[in-house]
C-alpha atoms as a PDB file:
ATOM      1  CA  MET A   1       0.000   0.000   0.000  1.00  0.00           C
ATOM      2  CA  LYS A   2       1.279   3.473  -0.864  1.00  0.00           C
ATOM      3  CA  LEU A   3       1.863   6.159   1.724  1.00  0.00           C
ATOM      4  CA  THR A   4       0.120   9.495   1.397  1.00  0.00           C
ATOM      5  CA  ARG A   5       2.114  12.679   0.981  1.00  0.00           C
ATOM      6  CA  LYS A   6       1.452  13.566   4.628  1.00  0.00           C
ATOM      7  CA  GLU A   7       2.679  10.147   5.787  1.00  0.00           C
ATOM      8  CA  LYS A   8       5.823  10.492   3.685  1.00  0.00           C
ATOM      9  CA  ARG A   9       6.575  13.844   5.321  1.00  0.00           C
ATOM     10  CA  ILE A  10       6.173  12.239   8.753  1.00  0.00           C
ATOM     11  CA  VAL A  11       8.675   9.524   7.798  1.00  0.00           C
ATOM     12  CA  GLU A  12      11.036  12.133   6.335  1.00  0.00           C
ATOM     13  CA  ASN A  13      10.916  14.287   9.471  1.00  0.00           C
ATOM     14  CA  GLU A  14      11.522  11.323  11.734  1.00  0.00           C
ATOM     15  CA  LEU A  15      14.488  10.125   9.637  1.00  0.00           C
ATOM     16  CA  VAL A  16      16.079  13.584   9.753  1.00  0.00           C
ATOM     17  CA  THR A  17      15.481  13.859  13.503  1.00  0.00           C
ATOM     18  CA  VAL A  18      17.113  10.514  14.277  1.00  0.00           C
ATOM     19  CA  ILE A  19      20.083  11.117  11.936  1.00  0.00           C
ATOM     20  CA  ASN A  20      20.685  14.547  13.483  1.00  0.00           C
ATOM     21  CA  GLN A  21      20.649  13.012  16.981  1.00  0.00           C
ATOM     22  CA  HIS A  22      23.658  10.880  15.980  1.00  0.00           C
ATOM     23  CA  PRO A  23      26.323  13.265  14.595  1.00  0.00           C
ATOM     24  CA  ASN A  24      28.973  10.496  14.588  1.00  0.00           C
ATOM     25  CA  GLY A  25      26.773   8.304  12.401  1.00  0.00           C
ATOM     26  CA  ILE A  26      24.116   5.633  12.853  1.00  0.00           C
ATOM     27  CA  ASP A  27      23.820   2.167  11.362  1.00  0.00           C
ATOM     28  CA  THR A  28      21.052   2.284   8.759  1.00  0.00           C
ATOM     29  CA  ARG A  29      19.440  -0.890  10.142  1.00  0.00           C
ATOM     30  CA  VAL A  30      19.219   0.711  13.595  1.00  0.00           C
ATOM     31  CA  LEU A  31      17.958   3.933  12.011  1.00  0.00           C
ATOM     32  CA  ILE A  32      15.162   2.153  10.153  1.00  0.00           C
ATOM     33  CA  SER A  33      14.156   0.170  13.258  1.00  0.00           C
ATOM     34  CA  THR A  34      14.096   3.327  15.387  1.00  0.00           C
ATOM     35  CA  VAL A  35      11.947   5.173  12.860  1.00  0.00           C
ATOM     36  CA  MET A  36       9.601   2.190  12.498  1.00  0.00           C
ATOM     37  CA  THR A  37       9.113   2.064  16.275  1.00  0.00           C
ATOM     38  CA  THR A  38       8.307   5.771  16.387  1.00  0.00           C
ATOM     39  CA  ILE A  39       5.872   5.867  13.463  1.00  0.00           C
ATOM     40  CA  ALA A  40       4.140   2.522  14.059  1.00  0.00           C
ATOM     41  CA  SER A  41       1.201   4.080  15.870  1.00  0.00           C
ATOM     42  CA  LEU A  42       0.951   7.043  13.472  1.00  0.00           C
ATOM     43  CA  ILE A  43       1.194   5.071  10.219  1.00  0.00           C
ATOM     44  CA  PRO A  44       0.083   1.478  10.835  1.00  0.00           C
ATOM     45  CA  ASN A  45       0.468   0.427   7.188  1.00  0.00           C
ATOM     46  CA  ALA A  46       4.114   1.611   6.933  1.00  0.00           C
ATOM     47  CA  ASN A  47       6.816  -1.017   6.589  1.00  0.00           C
ATOM     48  CA  ARG A  48      10.628  -1.136   6.438  1.00  0.00           C
ATOM     49  CA  HIS A  49      10.552  -0.772   2.648  1.00  0.00           C
ATOM     50  CA  HIS A  50       8.743   2.563   2.924  1.00  0.00           C
ATOM     51  CA  VAL A  51      11.321   3.860   5.412  1.00  0.00           C
ATOM     52  CA  SER A  52      14.332   2.622   3.446  1.00  0.00           C
ATOM     53  CA  GLY A  53      12.916   4.155   0.272  1.00  0.00           C
ATOM     54  CA  MET A  54      12.534   7.491   2.029  1.00  0.00           C
ATOM     55  CA  LEU A  55      16.069   7.125   3.394  1.00  0.00           C
ATOM     56  CA  SER A  56      17.513   7.053  -0.122  1.00  0.00           C
ATOM     57  CA  TRP A  57      15.636  10.249  -0.901  1.00  0.00           C
ATOM     58  CA  VAL A  58      16.498  11.960   2.416  1.00  0.00           C
ATOM     59  CA  TRP A  59      20.254  11.373   2.212  1.00  0.00           C
ATOM     60  CA  LYS A  60      20.374  13.042  -1.191  1.00  0.00           C
ATOM     61  CA  LYS A  61      18.077  15.956  -0.303  1.00  0.00           C
ATOM     62  CA  TYR A  62      19.791  16.781   3.004  1.00  0.00           C
ATOM     63  CA  ASN A  63      23.292  16.002   1.707  1.00  0.00           C
ATOM     64  CA  TYR A  64      24.078  13.350   4.337  1.00  0.00           C
ATOM     65  CA  LYS A  65      27.141  11.177   3.829  1.00  0.00           C
ATOM     66  CA  PHE A  66      27.587   7.445   4.121  1.00  0.00           C
ATOM     67  CA  LEU A  67      30.587   6.854   6.406  1.00  0.00           C
ATOM     68  CA  VAL A  68      30.562   3.110   5.699  1.00  0.00           C
ATOM     69  CA  ARG A  69      28.732   1.633   2.771  1.00  0.00           C
ATOM     70  CA  THR A  70      28.929  -2.100   2.244  1.00  0.00           C
ATOM     71  CA  PRO A  71      26.334  -4.772   1.445  1.00  0.00           C
ATOM     72  CA  GLY A  72      24.437  -5.479   4.654  1.00  0.00           C
ATOM     73  CA  TYR A  73      26.095  -2.745   6.710  1.00  0.00           C
ATOM     74  CA  SER A  74      25.991   1.015   6.231  1.00  0.00           C
ATOM     75  CA  VAL A  75      26.510   4.003   8.517  1.00  0.00           C
ATOM     76  CA  ILE A  76      25.043   7.400   7.650  1.00  0.00           C
ATOM     77  CA  ALA A  77      25.834  10.795   9.161  1.00  0.00           C
END
């Protein structure tokens, strides 16, 4: 199921908030889990694929950098 524009903005804001709370970087798996926990009650139909898709858009828009980028393990700051 697709997210509405409003739901996407909620996910975006939560991703940015969590990334900014970790200036030394955060593992993307931990980031996605943290965001999922926070938005679960607000957006019950959201899943990890929605959050990871928004992550790829957020890191480009906000000019975040991947400190480590390997298959299965990435750190973003």
